């Protein structure tokens, strides 16, 4: 069952997430969130970050953050 859903959109990034309640046999609530950055010129969406947290145990199950390489030469 989906408990809550949020979507935020700014000029550069789109954030959204959802809380999901898992029934028997798991009986836990997970929060899943993602941040995307559009590249309009290339018609693409890039994953900036993603996280899944078990809200009952406060344990982070999945965490991803994109890294960028900056060449200053």
C-alpha atoms as a PDB file:
ATOM      1  CA  UNK A   1       0.000   0.000   0.000  1.00  0.00           C
ATOM      2  CA  UNK A   2       1.341   3.446  -0.895  1.00  0.00           C
ATOM      3  CA  UNK A   3       1.098   5.693   2.146  1.00  0.00           C
ATOM      4  CA  UNK A   4       2.464   9.021   0.896  1.00  0.00           C
ATOM      5  CA  UNK A   5       3.840  10.400  -2.326  1.00  0.00           C
ATOM      6  CA  UNK A   6       5.724  13.626  -2.942  1.00  0.00           C
ATOM      7  CA  UNK A   7       6.951  15.320  -6.081  1.00  0.00           C
ATOM      8  CA  UNK A   8       8.990  18.531  -6.182  1.00  0.00           C
ATOM      9  CA  UNK A   9      10.115  20.184  -9.355  1.00  0.00           C
ATOM     10  CA  UNK A  10      12.474  23.098  -9.699  1.00  0.00           C
ATOM     11  CA  UNK A  11      14.254  24.578 -12.656  1.00  0.00           C
ATOM     12  CA  UNK A  12      17.133  22.104 -12.543  1.00  0.00           C
ATOM     13  CA  UNK A  13      16.018  18.975 -10.650  1.00  0.00           C
ATOM     14  CA  UNK A  14      12.999  16.803 -10.071  1.00  0.00           C
ATOM     15  CA  UNK A  15      12.623  15.091  -6.673  1.00  0.00           C
ATOM     16  CA  UNK A  16      10.065  12.465  -5.845  1.00  0.00           C
ATOM     17  CA  UNK A  17       9.520   9.782  -3.304  1.00  0.00           C
ATOM     18  CA  UNK A  18       7.039   7.386  -1.870  1.00  0.00           C
ATOM     19  CA  UNK A  19       6.370   5.595   1.404  1.00  0.00           C
ATOM     20  CA  UNK A  20       5.278   2.016   0.933  1.00  0.00           C
ATOM     21  CA  UNK A  21       3.750  -0.111   3.693  1.00  0.00           C
ATOM     22  CA  UNK A  22       4.546  -3.803   3.254  1.00  0.00           C
ATOM     23  CA  UNK A  23       2.104  -6.222   4.877  1.00  0.00           C
ATOM     24  CA  UNK A  24       2.586  -9.868   5.872  1.00  0.00           C
ATOM     25  CA  UNK A  25       5.093 -11.465   6.037  1.00  0.00           C
ATOM     26  CA  UNK A  26       7.378  -8.402   6.034  1.00  0.00           C
ATOM     27  CA  UNK A  27       5.391  -5.820   8.041  1.00  0.00           C
ATOM     28  CA  UNK A  28       7.581  -2.780   7.488  1.00  0.00           C
ATOM     29  CA  UNK A  29       7.457   0.675   5.905  1.00  0.00           C
ATOM     30  CA  UNK A  30       9.959   1.687   3.258  1.00  0.00           C
ATOM     31  CA  UNK A  31      10.706   5.183   2.007  1.00  0.00           C
ATOM     32  CA  UNK A  32      12.046   5.430  -1.534  1.00  0.00           C
ATOM     33  CA  UNK A  33      13.289   8.691  -2.962  1.00  0.00           C
ATOM     34  CA  UNK A  34      14.966   9.756  -6.176  1.00  0.00           C
ATOM     35  CA  UNK A  35      16.385  12.969  -7.640  1.00  0.00           C
ATOM     36  CA  UNK A  36      16.597  13.383 -11.413  1.00  0.00           C
ATOM     37  CA  UNK A  37      18.223  16.119 -13.460  1.00  0.00           C
ATOM     38  CA  UNK A  38      16.910  16.736 -16.969  1.00  0.00           C
ATOM     39  CA  UNK A  39      19.146  17.467 -19.936  1.00  0.00           C
ATOM     40  CA  UNK A  40      16.724  19.091 -22.346  1.00  0.00           C
ATOM     41  CA  UNK A  41      19.267  19.501 -25.143  1.00  0.00           C
ATOM     42  CA  UNK A  42      19.885  15.729 -25.236  1.00  0.00           C
ATOM     43  CA  UNK A  43      16.323  14.747 -24.240  1.00  0.00           C
ATOM     44  CA  UNK A  44      17.654  12.758 -21.254  1.00  0.00           C
ATOM     45  CA  UNK A  45      17.096  12.349 -17.519  1.00  0.00           C
ATOM     46  CA  UNK A  46      20.121  11.717 -15.313  1.00  0.00           C
ATOM     47  CA  UNK A  47      19.883   9.966 -11.943  1.00  0.00           C
ATOM     48  CA  UNK A  48      21.441  12.259  -9.317  1.00  0.00           C
ATOM     49  CA  UNK A  49      20.608  10.217  -6.219  1.00  0.00           C
ATOM     50  CA  UNK A  50      18.410   7.417  -4.950  1.00  0.00           C
ATOM     51  CA  UNK A  51      17.747   6.082  -1.469  1.00  0.00           C
ATOM     52  CA  UNK A  52      15.613   3.374   0.112  1.00  0.00           C
ATOM     53  CA  UNK A  53      15.233   3.475   3.905  1.00  0.00           C
ATOM     54  CA  UNK A  54      13.426   1.071   6.229  1.00  0.00           C
ATOM     55  CA  UNK A  55      11.522   3.533   8.439  1.00  0.00           C
ATOM     56  CA  UNK A  56      10.938   0.973  11.194  1.00  0.00           C
ATOM     57  CA  UNK A  57      14.625   0.179  11.753  1.00  0.00           C
ATOM     58  CA  UNK A  58      16.004   3.462  10.281  1.00  0.00           C
ATOM     59  CA  UNK A  59      18.347   1.294   8.187  1.00  0.00           C
ATOM     60  CA  UNK A  60      19.445   2.572   4.780  1.00  0.00           C
ATOM     61  CA  UNK A  61      18.966  -0.319   2.376  1.00  0.00           C
ATOM     62  CA  UNK A  62      20.092   1.386  -0.838  1.00  0.00           C
ATOM     63  CA  UNK A  63      21.975   4.629  -1.297  1.00  0.00           C
ATOM     64  CA  UNK A  64      23.334   6.001  -4.564  1.00  0.00           C
ATOM     65  CA  UNK A  65      24.801   9.406  -5.329  1.00  0.00           C
ATOM     66  CA  UNK A  66      26.182  10.260  -8.744  1.00  0.00           C
ATOM     67  CA  UNK A  67      29.724  11.533  -8.802  1.00  0.00           C
ATOM     68  CA  UNK A  68      31.108  13.971 -11.298  1.00  0.00           C
ATOM     69  CA  UNK A  69      34.604  14.306 -12.586  1.00  0.00           C
ATOM     70  CA  UNK A  70      35.760  17.898 -13.094  1.00  0.00           C
ATOM     71  CA  UNK A  71      38.757  18.493 -15.305  1.00  0.00           C
ATOM     72  CA  UNK A  72      40.324  21.861 -14.522  1.00  0.00           C
ATOM     73  CA  UNK A  73      43.156  21.595 -17.055  1.00  0.00           C
END
